[in-house]
Amino acid sequence: MNSEKRKQREEEAKRQWAVTRETGKMKYIFRNWVLGYGLTMALVFFLYKQIDNSWEHWVFDIIASFVIFTLTGFLVGLINWNQNEKRYIGKK
């Protein structure tokens, strides 16, 4: 029974990835990783950092946070896309 559930989950993941990949690589990376992860983490990190620091250099801090986390989001999204593609192609 457990293997049946795993097979069903894998098939559902395959169907979901087929729909996601139709939106395109850059749209997936930008929407899910640059905006979803990168900007969210940049804002959280910036606010957390400002708790202990003065707001004297806040412009530099927020710009640095956004640059670092959006680039990280892009790279992680690219890696994630490639891993999902390998899984999808391997299961076709």
Protein backbone atom coordinates (compact mmCIF):
# COMPACT_ATOMS: atom_id res chain seq x y z
CA MET A 1 0.00 0.00 0.00
CA ASN A 2 2.83 2.39 0.81
CA SER A 3 4.43 1.92 -2.60
CA GLU A 4 1.08 2.65 -4.26
CA LYS A 5 0.81 5.98 -2.43
CA ARG A 6 4.37 6.85 -3.38
CA LYS A 7 3.63 6.00 -7.01
CA GLN A 8 0.53 8.19 -6.93
CA ARG A 9 2.49 11.09 -5.42
CA GLU A 10 5.19 10.71 -8.07
CA GLU A 11 2.59 10.70 -10.85
CA GLU A 12 0.91 13.78 -9.38
CA ALA A 13 4.28 15.55 -9.13
CA LYS A 14 4.96 14.64 -12.75
CA ARG A 15 1.61 16.10 -13.84
CA GLN A 16 2.20 19.27 -11.82
CA TRP A 17 5.69 19.71 -13.26
CA ALA A 18 4.31 19.29 -16.80
CA VAL A 19 1.97 22.22 -16.15
CA THR A 20 4.68 24.29 -14.46
CA ARG A 21 7.24 23.75 -17.21
CA GLU A 22 4.79 25.04 -19.81
CA THR A 23 4.97 28.47 -18.16
CA GLY A 24 8.66 28.62 -19.01
CA LYS A 25 11.96 28.48 -17.22
CA MET A 26 12.51 32.20 -16.62
CA LYS A 27 8.95 32.83 -15.50
CA TYR A 28 9.20 29.92 -13.04
CA ILE A 29 12.53 31.12 -11.66
CA PHE A 30 11.50 34.76 -11.48
CA ARG A 31 8.09 34.22 -9.90
CA ASN A 32 8.92 31.40 -7.48
CA TRP A 33 12.53 32.04 -6.59
CA VAL A 34 13.48 35.64 -7.27
CA LEU A 35 10.22 37.17 -6.05
CA GLY A 36 8.94 34.40 -3.78
CA TYR A 37 12.20 33.53 -2.06
CA GLY A 38 14.64 36.33 -2.86
CA LEU A 39 12.58 39.38 -2.03
CA THR A 40 10.93 37.77 0.97
CA MET A 41 14.25 36.71 2.47
CA ALA A 42 15.81 40.09 1.68
CA LEU A 43 13.05 41.90 3.54
CA VAL A 44 13.13 39.52 6.52
CA PHE A 45 16.93 39.68 6.72
CA PHE A 46 16.93 43.47 6.43
CA LEU A 47 14.35 43.88 9.19
CA TYR A 48 16.11 41.37 11.42
CA LYS A 49 19.43 43.12 10.91
CA GLN A 50 17.91 46.49 11.74
CA ILE A 51 16.71 45.30 15.15
CA ASP A 52 20.25 45.47 16.55
CA ASN A 53 21.62 48.26 14.34
CA SER A 54 20.79 51.88 13.96
CA TRP A 55 18.96 52.95 10.85
CA GLU A 56 21.94 55.08 9.86
CA HIS A 57 22.95 52.95 6.84
CA TRP A 58 19.58 51.47 6.03
CA VAL A 59 19.68 52.33 2.30
CA PHE A 60 22.91 50.39 1.78
CA ASP A 61 21.64 47.52 3.92
CA ILE A 62 18.39 47.12 2.02
CA ILE A 63 20.06 47.36 -1.40
CA ALA A 64 22.72 44.81 -0.39
CA SER A 65 20.05 42.47 0.99
CA PHE A 66 17.95 42.68 -2.16
CA VAL A 67 20.93 42.11 -4.47
CA ILE A 68 22.30 39.17 -2.49
CA PHE A 69 19.01 37.38 -1.94
CA THR A 70 17.56 37.92 -5.41
CA LEU A 71 20.76 36.58 -6.99
CA THR A 72 20.67 33.66 -4.58
CA GLY A 73 17.02 33.08 -5.46
CA PHE A 74 17.88 33.06 -9.15
CA LEU A 75 20.70 30.54 -8.69
CA VAL A 76 18.65 28.26 -6.43
CA GLY A 77 15.74 28.49 -8.88
CA LEU A 78 17.98 27.53 -11.78
CA ILE A 79 19.32 24.54 -9.86
CA ASN A 80 15.80 23.55 -8.83
CA TRP A 81 14.53 23.81 -12.41
CA ASN A 82 17.34 21.58 -13.67
CA GLN A 83 16.74 18.98 -10.94
CA ASN A 84 13.01 18.92 -11.68
CA GLU A 85 13.69 18.55 -15.39
CA LYS A 86 15.97 15.57 -14.75
CA ARG A 87 13.28 13.93 -12.62
CA TYR A 88 10.58 14.69 -15.18
CA ILE A 89 12.57 13.42 -18.15
CA GLY A 90 13.66 10.36 -16.20
CA LYS A 91 10.05 9.41 -15.45
CA LYS A 92 8.60 9.93 -18.91
